[in-house]
Amino acid sequence: LSICLADDRSKGALRAELFEKLAPPLLDDASPHATLVQATLAERAPTQLKRLLRSFQDRDPERSLPRIVDLLQKDELVNFYASLLNGPPTELSCQLALFGDSRGALSLAHWFRETLAEHKEVAANGFVRFL
């Protein structure tokens, strides 16, 4: 994991590729310990899990976003998912909010208003960067 978490110049693509090769069970629901590993990362290394999710998203946005959302909707990861959406907006959190709105699981307008009210200028800058 430490190798995969190192910064690289490929904007996370190399990190995601290495991680997928070294630890494929993380996103594989068929693996018996996948949920335990995901929950442990969310609890003990949330920043690193966010980086990994972003790198998966950067590598293949069309395929990875539904997988990321399905992963985050597990009971063990609900608090981590909420922290992603409640924090300052990032590209990943904006993508998750858009995807959640399209599935009817989240009100985009409500999320936008709450995030802007809570994070003010940081949120405005995050939204502008996303757009």
Foldseek 3Di string as FASTA:
>chain_A
DVVLLDDDPVQLQVSLVVCCVVPVLCLPPVDPCNLVVVLCCCVPPVVSVVSNLRSQCVNPVVPSLVSVLVSCPDPSNVVSLVCQLQDAAALSNLSNQVVCVVVVNHDSVVSLVNNCVVVPPSNVVRVVVND
